[in-house]
Amino acid sequence: MPLASLNYHLGNYDETIWVTGDGRSGTTWLGDLINWDGSYRVLFEPFHPTLVKEVREFDFFQYLKIEEQDSYLVDFLKTVFSGKFKHFRADTSQIRFTYNGLLVKDIFSNLMLPWVHHNLPEIKKVMVIRNPFAAALSKQQKRGWTWMTEPKDFFNREALHNDHLYQFEDVVETLSDDFIEKQILIWAIVHYVPFQYLSSRDIHIVFYEELVTDILMQLKLLFQYLHEGGSDESYLSTPQLLEKINRPSRTSGKASGSNLMLGKDPVNSWKNELSSQQIAKGMAILERFGLSEIYGSSSVPNRKALPIVQNAPQCLS
């Protein structure tokens, strides 16, 4: 019996962590830090719309209504988060006889956060957020990678449009063909939707900029959430974790356009590389979605400006 299946039958995936966020936001880096000792089985981007055949029929950032219960996508989600799913690309863990949990890392799944929260509430959810201008610029530098590039497609999805986007049609109607502007709108949509359902107690938010500037404190807070306040802080000084902190992620490095490896400031360099017009149009989009105050014109995030609901709907039983 394959080790992945053996661990499933042994119940070793009962603890499941889901790291989600937009592309080029540090999700891979954070996932590696969480799994610093290799104790979790990692599923790397199981919702990738072009590299995982099981989801090729679905959209980028597939949306799922929280009450949906009988569909192929629902079954696939349950397969992934139960640890049953196996895939040659997604399975990136070092081979172990037993694992202590499952870590799912994905950059195309933000719009499924509400469904997972309400139907699989035991999953510990971590969202990584990066300044939308910095994330958009990083994607532009890697145009050959797989990104969603046409936000108008969101507005053609009936359920998503009727539930959320009908009120923003004016934004897409005035959208230019600029890559950065389109990425800002995509960023706005894939953050706006989950924020309508989740409260601060439902998900742990990690800001990329805070991770870069104060990584040990951010890891301390993260592990307190993951281990419900009972984590031993001695792990912060272990050689294995310190090595992970100082090592670029698998999707970083010079070949992938990492600002760190290119000697650029990963937090502030976007200000000098984007035009004033791109920044102004992007800020107008963010303001329309009520998201402009998270960063404002600064690179420093304002956690208090997160528009997460104060009293999220109760999880389904």
C-alpha atoms as a PDB file:
ATOM      1  CA  MET A   1       0.000   0.000   0.000  1.00  0.00           C
ATOM      2  CA  PRO A   2       1.432   3.450  -0.927  1.00  0.00           C
ATOM      3  CA  LEU A   3       2.511   5.499   2.086  1.00  0.00           C
ATOM      4  CA  ALA A   4       0.008   8.272   1.281  1.00  0.00           C
ATOM      5  CA  SER A   5      -2.862   5.773   1.421  1.00  0.00           C
ATOM      6  CA  LEU A   6      -1.444   4.080   4.512  1.00  0.00           C
ATOM      7  CA  ASN A   7      -1.367   7.419   6.360  1.00  0.00           C
ATOM      8  CA  TYR A   8      -4.941   8.096   5.316  1.00  0.00           C
ATOM      9  CA  HIS A   9      -6.125   4.791   6.762  1.00  0.00           C
ATOM     10  CA  LEU A  10      -4.120   5.418   9.939  1.00  0.00           C
ATOM     11  CA  GLY A  11      -5.899   8.767  10.415  1.00  0.00           C
ATOM     12  CA  ASN A  12      -2.670  10.748  10.123  1.00  0.00           C
ATOM     13  CA  TYR A  13      -4.319  13.518   8.096  1.00  0.00           C
ATOM     14  CA  ASP A  14      -6.836  14.490  10.769  1.00  0.00           C
ATOM     15  CA  GLU A  15      -4.902  17.751  11.243  1.00  0.00           C
ATOM     16  CA  THR A  16      -5.197  19.635   7.975  1.00  0.00           C
ATOM     17  CA  ILE A  17      -3.703  23.061   7.274  1.00  0.00           C
ATOM     18  CA  TRP A  18      -4.654  25.019   4.165  1.00  0.00           C
ATOM     19  CA  VAL A  19      -2.352  27.808   2.984  1.00  0.00           C
ATOM     20  CA  THR A  20      -4.023  29.913   0.324  1.00  0.00           C
ATOM     21  CA  GLY A  21      -3.446  33.270  -1.352  1.00  0.00           C
ATOM     22  CA  ASP A  22      -2.924  34.912  -4.705  1.00  0.00           C
ATOM     23  CA  GLY A  23       0.106  33.981  -6.790  1.00  0.00           C
ATOM     24  CA  ARG A  24       3.520  35.528  -5.999  1.00  0.00           C
ATOM     25  CA  SER A  25       2.423  36.287  -2.437  1.00  0.00           C
ATOM     26  CA  GLY A  26       4.749  33.994  -0.522  1.00  0.00           C
ATOM     27  CA  THR A  27       2.468  30.969  -0.097  1.00  0.00           C
ATOM     28  CA  THR A  28       5.182  28.472  -1.038  1.00  0.00           C
ATOM     29  CA  TRP A  29       7.659  30.089   1.345  1.00  0.00           C
ATOM     30  CA  LEU A  30       5.157  30.061   4.187  1.00  0.00           C
ATOM     31  CA  GLY A  31       4.173  26.461   3.513  1.00  0.00           C
ATOM     32  CA  ASP A  32       7.833  25.438   3.702  1.00  0.00           C
ATOM     33  CA  LEU A  33       8.188  27.292   7.006  1.00  0.00           C
ATOM     34  CA  ILE A  34       5.126  25.593   8.495  1.00  0.00           C
ATOM     35  CA  ASN A  35       6.520  22.235   7.397  1.00  0.00           C
ATOM     36  CA  TRP A  36      10.039  23.088   8.571  1.00  0.00           C
ATOM     37  CA  ASP A  37      10.590  19.607  10.019  1.00  0.00           C
ATOM     38  CA  GLY A  38       8.926  17.708   7.156  1.00  0.00           C
ATOM     39  CA  SER A  39       6.274  16.221   9.428  1.00  0.00           C
ATOM     40  CA  TYR A  40       3.330  17.144   7.167  1.00  0.00           C
ATOM     41  CA  ARG A  41       2.429  15.554   3.874  1.00  0.00           C
ATOM     42  CA  VAL A  42       2.249  18.449   1.419  1.00  0.00           C
ATOM     43  CA  LEU A  43      -0.204  18.756  -1.464  1.00  0.00           C
ATOM     44  CA  PHE A  44       1.233  21.497  -3.670  1.00  0.00           C
ATOM     45  CA  GLU A  45      -1.369  23.333  -5.790  1.00  0.00           C
ATOM     46  CA  PRO A  46      -3.900  20.510  -6.210  1.00  0.00           C
ATOM     47  CA  PHE A  47      -6.330  23.043  -7.749  1.00  0.00           C
ATOM     48  CA  HIS A  48      -3.924  24.136 -10.501  1.00  0.00           C
ATOM     49  CA  PRO A  49      -6.220  24.571 -13.522  1.00  0.00           C
ATOM     50  CA  THR A  50      -3.752  23.435 -16.176  1.00  0.00           C
ATOM     51  CA  LEU A  51      -1.421  20.977 -14.450  1.00  0.00           C
ATOM     52  CA  VAL A  52      -3.933  18.866 -12.515  1.00  0.00           C
ATOM     53  CA  LYS A  53      -6.227  17.011 -14.912  1.00  0.00           C
ATOM     54  CA  GLU A  54      -8.957  16.533 -12.319  1.00  0.00           C
ATOM     55  CA  VAL A  55      -9.715  20.301 -12.334  1.00  0.00           C
ATOM     56  CA  ARG A  56      -8.999  21.227 -15.962  1.00  0.00           C
ATOM     57  CA  GLU A  57     -12.700  21.604 -16.653  1.00  0.00           C
ATOM     58  CA  PHE A  58     -13.024  24.263 -13.982  1.00  0.00           C
ATOM     59  CA  ASP A  59     -12.273  27.968 -13.971  1.00  0.00           C
ATOM     60  CA  PHE A  60      -9.331  29.821 -12.513  1.00  0.00           C
ATOM     61  CA  PHE A  61     -10.367  30.516  -8.925  1.00  0.00           C
ATOM     62  CA  GLN A  62     -13.437  28.305  -9.117  1.00  0.00           C
ATOM     63  CA  TYR A  63     -16.343  29.689  -7.071  1.00  0.00           C
ATOM     64  CA  LEU A  64     -18.548  27.420  -5.011  1.00  0.00           C
ATOM     65  CA  LYS A  65     -21.739  28.444  -3.209  1.00  0.00           C
ATOM     66  CA  ILE A  66     -21.611  27.378   0.437  1.00  0.00           C
ATOM     67  CA  GLU A  67     -24.861  25.413   0.216  1.00  0.00           C
ATOM     68  CA  GLU A  68     -23.713  23.268  -2.715  1.00  0.00           C
ATOM     69  CA  GLN A  69     -23.432  19.629  -1.666  1.00  0.00           C
ATOM     70  CA  ASP A  70     -23.771  17.396  -4.696  1.00  0.00           C
ATOM     71  CA  SER A  71     -21.229  18.006  -7.425  1.00  0.00           C
ATOM     72  CA  TYR A  72     -17.948  16.721  -8.784  1.00  0.00           C
ATOM     73  CA  LEU A  73     -16.114  19.720  -7.348  1.00  0.00           C
ATOM     74  CA  VAL A  74     -17.510  19.108  -3.859  1.00  0.00           C
ATOM     75  CA  ASP A  75     -16.384  15.487  -4.060  1.00  0.00           C
ATOM     76  CA  PHE A  76     -12.955  16.574  -5.266  1.00  0.00           C
ATOM     77  CA  LEU A  77     -12.558  19.068  -2.429  1.00  0.00           C
ATOM     78  CA  LYS A  78     -13.401  16.388   0.104  1.00  0.00           C
ATOM     79  CA  THR A  79     -10.903  14.039  -1.546  1.00  0.00           C
ATOM     80  CA  VAL A  80      -8.132  16.652  -1.349  1.00  0.00           C
ATOM     81  CA  PHE A  81      -8.734  17.726   2.235  1.00  0.00           C
ATOM     82  CA  SER A  82      -9.154  14.162   3.479  1.00  0.00           C
ATOM     83  CA  GLY A  83      -5.710  13.200   2.155  1.00  0.00           C
ATOM     84  CA  LYS A  84      -7.077  10.655  -0.327  1.00  0.00           C
ATOM     85  CA  PHE A  85      -5.879  12.641  -3.335  1.00  0.00           C
ATOM     86  CA  LYS A  86      -2.591  11.556  -4.929  1.00  0.00           C
ATOM     87  CA  HIS A  87      -0.848  13.337  -7.796  1.00  0.00           C
ATOM     88  CA  PHE A  88       2.704  13.152  -9.146  1.00  0.00           C
ATOM     89  CA  ARG A  89       3.152  16.954  -9.178  1.00  0.00           C
ATOM     90  CA  ALA A  90       1.117  17.878  -6.128  1.00  0.00           C
ATOM     91  CA  ASP A  91       2.834  15.373  -3.859  1.00  0.00           C
ATOM     92  CA  THR A  92       6.088  17.158  -3.045  1.00  0.00           C
ATOM     93  CA  SER A  93       6.798  15.829   0.454  1.00  0.00           C
ATOM     94  CA  GLN A  94       9.867  13.933   1.449  1.00  0.00           C
ATOM     95  CA  ILE A  95       8.865  10.293   1.792  1.00  0.00           C
ATOM     96  CA  ARG A  96       8.112   9.330   5.385  1.00  0.00           C
ATOM     97  CA  PHE A  97       6.564   6.230   6.854  1.00  0.00           C
ATOM     98  CA  THR A  98       4.110   8.344   8.827  1.00  0.00           C
ATOM     99  CA  TYR A  99       3.068  11.994   8.721  1.00  0.00           C
ATOM    100  CA  ASN A 100       1.649  14.172  11.499  1.00  0.00           C
ATOM    101  CA  GLY A 101      -0.846  15.965   9.317  1.00  0.00           C
ATOM    102  CA  LEU A 102      -1.696  17.287   5.853  1.00  0.00           C
ATOM    103  CA  LEU A 103      -0.695  20.677   4.437  1.00  0.00           C
ATOM    104  CA  VAL A 104      -2.519  21.879   1.317  1.00  0.00           C
ATOM    105  CA  LYS A 105      -0.916  24.860  -0.436  1.00  0.00           C
ATOM    106  CA  ASP A 106      -2.646  26.524  -3.371  1.00  0.00           C
ATOM    107  CA  ILE A 107      -2.826  29.846  -5.234  1.00  0.00           C
ATOM    108  CA  PHE A 108      -6.022  29.257  -7.212  1.00  0.00           C
ATOM    109  CA  SER A 109      -8.500  28.491  -4.438  1.00  0.00           C
ATOM    110  CA  ASN A 110      -9.440  31.709  -2.592  1.00  0.00           C
ATOM    111  CA  LEU A 111     -13.003  31.651  -3.890  1.00  0.00           C
ATOM    112  CA  MET A 112     -13.559  28.208  -2.361  1.00  0.00           C
ATOM    113  CA  LEU A 113     -12.660  29.428   1.125  1.00  0.00           C
ATOM    114  CA  PRO A 114     -16.287  30.124   2.141  1.00  0.00           C
ATOM    115  CA  TRP A 115     -17.448  26.641   1.120  1.00  0.00           C
ATOM    116  CA  VAL A 116     -14.583  24.892   2.899  1.00  0.00           C
ATOM    117  CA  HIS A 117     -15.062  26.973   6.041  1.00  0.00           C
ATOM    118  CA  HIS A 118     -18.775  26.243   6.261  1.00  0.00           C
ATOM    119  CA  ASN A 119     -18.622  22.590   5.282  1.00  0.00           C
ATOM    120  CA  LEU A 120     -15.215  21.460   6.546  1.00  0.00           C
ATOM    121  CA  PRO A 121     -14.760  23.735   9.577  1.00  0.00           C
ATOM    122  CA  GLU A 122     -12.044  21.593  11.155  1.00  0.00           C
ATOM    123  CA  ILE A 123      -9.523  22.694   8.521  1.00  0.00           C
ATOM    124  CA  LYS A 124      -7.113  25.354   9.756  1.00  0.00           C
ATOM    125  CA  LYS A 125      -7.046  28.115   7.172  1.00  0.00           C
ATOM    126  CA  VAL A 126      -4.117  30.483   6.558  1.00  0.00           C
ATOM    127  CA  MET A 127      -4.324  33.247   3.942  1.00  0.00           C
ATOM    128  CA  VAL A 128      -1.198  35.033   2.760  1.00  0.00           C
ATOM    129  CA  ILE A 129      -1.786  38.595   1.527  1.00  0.00           C
ATOM    130  CA  ARG A 130       0.744  40.670  -0.388  1.00  0.00           C
ATOM    131  CA  ASN A 131       0.456  44.232  -1.644  1.00  0.00           C
ATOM    132  CA  PRO A 132      -1.534  43.853  -4.896  1.00  0.00           C
ATOM    133  CA  PHE A 133       0.829  46.084  -6.864  1.00  0.00           C
ATOM    134  CA  ALA A 134       3.879  44.072  -5.817  1.00  0.00           C
ATOM    135  CA  ALA A 135       2.109  40.796  -6.566  1.00  0.00           C
ATOM    136  CA  ALA A 136       0.947  42.058  -9.978  1.00  0.00           C
ATOM    137  CA  LEU A 137       4.435  43.248 -10.888  1.00  0.00           C
ATOM    138  CA  SER A 138       5.915  39.902  -9.866  1.00  0.00           C
ATOM    139  CA  LYS A 139       3.418  38.102 -12.106  1.00  0.00           C
ATOM    140  CA  GLN A 140       4.270  40.424 -14.981  1.00  0.00           C
ATOM    141  CA  GLN A 141       7.910  39.479 -14.578  1.00  0.00           C
ATOM    142  CA  LYS A 142       6.837  35.845 -14.977  1.00  0.00           C
ATOM    143  CA  ARG A 143       4.343  36.195 -17.823  1.00  0.00           C
ATOM    144  CA  GLY A 144       5.223  32.701 -19.024  1.00  0.00           C
ATOM    145  CA  TRP A 145       3.803  31.097 -15.891  1.00  0.00           C
ATOM    146  CA  THR A 146       0.135  30.164 -15.501  1.00  0.00           C
ATOM    147  CA  TRP A 147      -1.899  33.142 -14.310  1.00  0.00           C
ATOM    148  CA  MET A 148      -5.455  34.242 -14.720  1.00  0.00           C
ATOM    149  CA  THR A 149      -5.165  37.249 -17.025  1.00  0.00           C
ATOM    150  CA  GLU A 150      -8.755  38.185 -17.907  1.00  0.00           C
ATOM    151  CA  PRO A 151     -10.871  39.366 -14.949  1.00  0.00           C
ATOM    152  CA  LYS A 152     -13.900  39.790 -17.216  1.00  0.00           C
ATOM    153  CA  ASP A 153     -14.248  36.011 -17.064  1.00  0.00           C
ATOM    154  CA  PHE A 154     -15.339  36.350 -13.431  1.00  0.00           C
ATOM    155  CA  PHE A 155     -18.353  38.389 -14.514  1.00  0.00           C
ATOM    156  CA  ASN A 156     -19.499  35.660 -16.922  1.00  0.00           C
ATOM    157  CA  ARG A 157     -19.935  33.133 -14.102  1.00  0.00           C
ATOM    158  CA  GLU A 158     -23.600  33.233 -13.157  1.00  0.00           C
ATOM    159  CA  ALA A 159     -23.369  32.269  -9.485  1.00  0.00           C
ATOM    160  CA  LEU A 160     -20.388  34.489  -8.750  1.00  0.00           C
ATOM    161  CA  HIS A 161     -21.939  37.399 -10.622  1.00  0.00           C
ATOM    162  CA  ASN A 162     -25.316  37.083  -8.932  1.00  0.00           C
ATOM    163  CA  ASP A 163     -23.867  36.622  -5.458  1.00  0.00           C
ATOM    164  CA  HIS A 164     -21.168  39.281  -5.544  1.00  0.00           C
ATOM    165  CA  LEU A 165     -20.050  40.898  -8.790  1.00  0.00           C
ATOM    166  CA  TYR A 166     -23.288  42.389 -10.145  1.00  0.00           C
ATOM    167  CA  GLN A 167     -22.531  45.546  -8.163  1.00  0.00           C
ATOM    168  CA  PHE A 168     -19.112  46.011  -9.772  1.00  0.00           C
ATOM    169  CA  GLU A 169     -19.991  45.855 -13.465  1.00  0.00           C
ATOM    170  CA  ASP A 170     -18.914  49.468 -13.904  1.00  0.00           C
ATOM    171  CA  VAL A 171     -15.359  48.496 -12.946  1.00  0.00           C
ATOM    172  CA  VAL A 172     -14.950  45.855 -15.613  1.00  0.00           C
ATOM    173  CA  GLU A 173     -16.630  48.055 -18.240  1.00  0.00           C
ATOM    174  CA  THR A 174     -13.945  50.726 -17.879  1.00  0.00           C
ATOM    175  CA  LEU A 175     -11.013  48.322 -17.548  1.00  0.00           C
ATOM    176  CA  SER A 176      -8.073  48.900 -19.888  1.00  0.00           C
ATOM    177  CA  ASP A 177      -5.912  46.194 -21.479  1.00  0.00           C
ATOM    178  CA  ASP A 178      -3.041  46.872 -19.070  1.00  0.00           C
ATOM    179  CA  PHE A 179      -1.689  43.681 -17.448  1.00  0.00           C
ATOM    180  CA  ILE A 180      -1.128  45.337 -14.065  1.00  0.00           C
ATOM    181  CA  GLU A 181      -4.588  46.901 -13.971  1.00  0.00           C
ATOM    182  CA  LYS A 182      -6.190  43.537 -14.749  1.00  0.00           C
ATOM    183  CA  GLN A 183      -4.178  41.806 -12.039  1.00  0.00           C
ATOM    184  CA  ILE A 184      -5.269  44.419  -9.491  1.00  0.00           C
ATOM    185  CA  LEU A 185      -8.911  43.671 -10.328  1.00  0.00           C
ATOM    186  CA  ILE A 186      -8.315  39.924 -10.049  1.00  0.00           C
ATOM    187  CA  TRP A 187      -6.625  40.504  -6.661  1.00  0.00           C
ATOM    188  CA  ALA A 188      -9.587  42.596  -5.520  1.00  0.00           C
ATOM    189  CA  ILE A 189     -12.148  39.935  -6.459  1.00  0.00           C
ATOM    190  CA  VAL A 190     -10.329  36.930  -4.979  1.00  0.00           C
ATOM    191  CA  HIS A 191      -9.922  38.770  -1.664  1.00  0.00           C
ATOM    192  CA  TYR A 192     -13.271  40.560  -1.562  1.00  0.00           C
ATOM    193  CA  VAL A 193     -15.378  37.388  -1.828  1.00  0.00           C
ATOM    194  CA  PRO A 194     -13.916  35.385   1.094  1.00  0.00           C
ATOM    195  CA  PHE A 195     -13.914  38.509   3.267  1.00  0.00           C
ATOM    196  CA  GLN A 196     -17.720  38.553   2.973  1.00  0.00           C
ATOM    197  CA  TYR A 197     -17.954  35.231   4.805  1.00  0.00           C
ATOM    198  CA  LEU A 198     -15.004  34.939   7.176  1.00  0.00           C
ATOM    199  CA  SER A 199     -14.361  36.614  10.488  1.00  0.00           C
ATOM    200  CA  SER A 200     -10.980  37.123  12.132  1.00  0.00           C
ATOM    201  CA  ARG A 201     -11.547  34.051  14.287  1.00  0.00           C
ATOM    202  CA  ASP A 202     -12.118  31.856  11.214  1.00  0.00           C
ATOM    203  CA  ILE A 203      -8.799  32.331   9.428  1.00  0.00           C
ATOM    204  CA  HIS A 204      -5.241  33.405  10.191  1.00  0.00           C
ATOM    205  CA  ILE A 205      -4.000  36.235   7.976  1.00  0.00           C
ATOM    206  CA  VAL A 206      -0.291  36.485   7.225  1.00  0.00           C
ATOM    207  CA  PHE A 207       0.899  39.638   5.489  1.00  0.00           C
ATOM    208  CA  TYR A 208       3.870  38.986   3.248  1.00  0.00           C
ATOM    209  CA  GLU A 209       5.434  42.306   4.213  1.00  0.00           C
ATOM    210  CA  GLU A 210       5.263  41.484   7.938  1.00  0.00           C
ATOM    211  CA  LEU A 211       6.759  38.083   7.225  1.00  0.00           C
ATOM    212  CA  VAL A 212       9.695  39.728   5.453  1.00  0.00           C
ATOM    213  CA  THR A 213      10.342  42.377   8.117  1.00  0.00           C
ATOM    214  CA  ASP A 214       9.539  40.468  11.344  1.00  0.00           C
ATOM    215  CA  ILE A 215       9.515  36.797  10.487  1.00  0.00           C
ATOM    216  CA  LEU A 216      10.051  35.311  13.946  1.00  0.00           C
ATOM    217  CA  MET A 217       7.138  37.222  15.471  1.00  0.00           C
ATOM    218  CA  GLN A 218       4.879  36.282  12.562  1.00  0.00           C
ATOM    219  CA  LEU A 219       5.833  32.626  12.858  1.00  0.00           C
ATOM    220  CA  LYS A 220       5.202  32.745  16.606  1.00  0.00           C
ATOM    221  CA  LEU A 221       1.674  34.091  16.016  1.00  0.00           C
ATOM    222  CA  LEU A 222       1.058  31.625  13.210  1.00  0.00           C
ATOM    223  CA  PHE A 223       2.095  28.590  15.231  1.00  0.00           C
ATOM    224  CA  GLN A 224      -0.003  29.786  18.166  1.00  0.00           C
ATOM    225  CA  TYR A 225      -3.003  29.727  15.832  1.00  0.00           C
ATOM    226  CA  LEU A 226      -2.135  26.369  14.292  1.00  0.00           C
ATOM    227  CA  HIS A 227      -1.487  24.728  17.634  1.00  0.00           C
ATOM    228  CA  GLU A 228      -4.164  26.656  19.541  1.00  0.00           C
ATOM    229  CA  GLY A 229      -1.714  28.539  21.718  1.00  0.00           C
ATOM    230  CA  GLY A 230       0.104  25.449  22.935  1.00  0.00           C
ATOM    231  CA  SER A 231       3.165  25.514  20.718  1.00  0.00           C
ATOM    232  CA  ASP A 232       6.636  25.340  22.253  1.00  0.00           C
ATOM    233  CA  GLU A 233       8.500  28.477  21.116  1.00  0.00           C
ATOM    234  CA  SER A 234      11.848  26.675  21.233  1.00  0.00           C
ATOM    235  CA  TYR A 235      11.250  25.603  17.625  1.00  0.00           C
ATOM    236  CA  LEU A 236      11.984  29.202  16.558  1.00  0.00           C
ATOM    237  CA  SER A 237      15.689  28.660  17.165  1.00  0.00           C
ATOM    238  CA  THR A 238      16.040  25.198  15.668  1.00  0.00           C
ATOM    239  CA  PRO A 239      18.676  24.954  12.886  1.00  0.00           C
ATOM    240  CA  GLN A 240      16.157  23.353  10.517  1.00  0.00           C
ATOM    241  CA  LEU A 241      13.711  26.247  10.756  1.00  0.00           C
ATOM    242  CA  LEU A 242      16.437  28.904  10.600  1.00  0.00           C
ATOM    243  CA  GLU A 243      17.719  27.267   7.427  1.00  0.00           C
ATOM    244  CA  LYS A 244      14.228  27.446   5.907  1.00  0.00           C
ATOM    245  CA  ILE A 245      13.954  31.121   6.879  1.00  0.00           C
ATOM    246  CA  ASN A 246      17.185  32.004   5.104  1.00  0.00           C
ATOM    247  CA  ARG A 247      16.555  29.883   2.023  1.00  0.00           C
ATOM    248  CA  PRO A 248      14.464  31.161  -0.933  1.00  0.00           C
ATOM    249  CA  SER A 249      11.338  29.149  -1.649  1.00  0.00           C
ATOM    250  CA  ARG A 250      11.063  26.651  -4.487  1.00  0.00           C
ATOM    251  CA  THR A 251       9.324  29.249  -6.671  1.00  0.00           C
ATOM    252  CA  SER A 252      11.831  31.987  -5.889  1.00  0.00           C
ATOM    253  CA  GLY A 253      15.390  32.618  -7.054  1.00  0.00           C
ATOM    254  CA  LYS A 254      16.849  34.528  -9.986  1.00  0.00           C
ATOM    255  CA  ALA A 255      15.238  32.284 -12.554  1.00  0.00           C
ATOM    256  CA  SER A 256      11.786  33.092 -11.221  1.00  0.00           C
ATOM    257  CA  GLY A 257      12.215  36.809 -10.846  1.00  0.00           C
ATOM    258  CA  SER A 258      12.602  37.001  -7.065  1.00  0.00           C
ATOM    259  CA  ASN A 259      13.264  40.566  -5.921  1.00  0.00           C
ATOM    260  CA  LEU A 260      15.290  39.219  -3.016  1.00  0.00           C
ATOM    261  CA  MET A 261      17.606  37.308  -5.335  1.00  0.00           C
ATOM    262  CA  LEU A 262      17.826  40.237  -7.732  1.00  0.00           C
ATOM    263  CA  GLY A 263      18.878  42.588  -4.940  1.00  0.00           C
ATOM    264  CA  LYS A 264      15.616  44.540  -4.900  1.00  0.00           C
ATOM    265  CA  ASP A 265      13.458  45.427  -1.930  1.00  0.00           C
ATOM    266  CA  PRO A 266      10.542  42.933  -2.128  1.00  0.00           C
ATOM    267  CA  VAL A 267       8.313  45.271  -0.117  1.00  0.00           C
ATOM    268  CA  ASN A 268       8.834  48.644  -1.800  1.00  0.00           C
ATOM    269  CA  SER A 269      10.351  48.120  -5.261  1.00  0.00           C
ATOM    270  CA  TRP A 270       6.954  48.228  -7.015  1.00  0.00           C
ATOM    271  CA  LYS A 271       6.713  51.969  -6.353  1.00  0.00           C
ATOM    272  CA  ASN A 272       9.632  52.649  -8.667  1.00  0.00           C
ATOM    273  CA  GLU A 273       8.689  50.152 -11.367  1.00  0.00           C
ATOM    274  CA  LEU A 274       5.037  51.004 -11.986  1.00  0.00           C
ATOM    275  CA  SER A 275       3.768  54.187 -13.592  1.00  0.00           C
ATOM    276  CA  SER A 276       1.771  56.761 -11.654  1.00  0.00           C
ATOM    277  CA  GLN A 277      -1.160  56.013 -13.975  1.00  0.00           C
ATOM    278  CA  GLN A 278      -1.046  52.288 -13.182  1.00  0.00           C
ATOM    279  CA  ILE A 279      -0.958  53.022  -9.463  1.00  0.00           C
ATOM    280  CA  ALA A 280      -3.811  55.533  -9.668  1.00  0.00           C
ATOM    281  CA  LYS A 281      -6.048  53.186 -11.675  1.00  0.00           C
ATOM    282  CA  GLY A 282      -5.213  50.290  -9.396  1.00  0.00           C
ATOM    283  CA  MET A 283      -6.039  52.320  -6.293  1.00  0.00           C
ATOM    284  CA  ALA A 284      -9.380  53.304  -7.818  1.00  0.00           C
ATOM    285  CA  ILE A 285     -10.240  49.615  -8.333  1.00  0.00           C
ATOM    286  CA  LEU A 286      -9.259  48.725  -4.775  1.00  0.00           C
ATOM    287  CA  GLU A 287     -11.280  51.628  -3.401  1.00  0.00           C
ATOM    288  CA  ARG A 288     -14.338  50.478  -5.343  1.00  0.00           C
ATOM    289  CA  PHE A 289     -14.107  47.097  -3.583  1.00  0.00           C
ATOM    290  CA  GLY A 290     -13.472  48.662  -0.183  1.00  0.00           C
ATOM    291  CA  LEU A 291      -9.928  47.277  -0.083  1.00  0.00           C
ATOM    292  CA  SER A 292      -7.817  50.384  -0.617  1.00  0.00           C
ATOM    293  CA  GLU A 293      -7.118  51.014   3.065  1.00  0.00           C
ATOM    294  CA  ILE A 294      -5.404  47.656   3.617  1.00  0.00           C
ATOM    295  CA  TYR A 295      -2.261  49.172   2.126  1.00  0.00           C
ATOM    296  CA  GLY A 296      -3.236  52.651   0.983  1.00  0.00           C
ATOM    297  CA  SER A 297      -0.326  54.251  -0.850  1.00  0.00           C
ATOM    298  CA  SER A 298       2.084  52.529   1.524  1.00  0.00           C
ATOM    299  CA  SER A 299       3.764  49.141   1.416  1.00  0.00           C
ATOM    300  CA  VAL A 300       2.978  48.611   5.086  1.00  0.00           C
ATOM    301  CA  PRO A 301      -0.283  46.678   5.638  1.00  0.00           C
ATOM    302  CA  ASN A 302      -2.973  47.895   8.001  1.00  0.00           C
ATOM    303  CA  ARG A 303      -4.500  44.818   9.626  1.00  0.00           C
ATOM    304  CA  LYS A 304      -7.356  46.872  11.103  1.00  0.00           C
ATOM    305  CA  ALA A 305      -8.502  47.767   7.583  1.00  0.00           C
ATOM    306  CA  LEU A 306      -9.254  44.161   6.625  1.00  0.00           C
ATOM    307  CA  PRO A 307     -12.971  44.137   5.716  1.00  0.00           C
ATOM    308  CA  ILE A 308     -13.661  40.742   7.274  1.00  0.00           C
ATOM    309  CA  VAL A 309     -17.114  40.347   8.736  1.00  0.00           C
ATOM    310  CA  GLN A 310     -17.585  40.742  12.465  1.00  0.00           C
ATOM    311  CA  ASN A 311     -20.151  37.963  12.774  1.00  0.00           C
ATOM    312  CA  ALA A 312     -19.684  35.350  10.076  1.00  0.00           C
ATOM    313  CA  PRO A 313     -22.553  32.990   9.269  1.00  0.00           C
ATOM    314  CA  GLN A 314     -22.466  29.779  11.271  1.00  0.00           C
ATOM    315  CA  CYS A 315     -20.819  26.711   9.789  1.00  0.00           C
ATOM    316  CA  LEU A 316     -23.105  24.084   8.356  1.00  0.00           C
ATOM    317  CA  SER A 317     -23.462  20.978  10.474  1.00  0.00           C
END
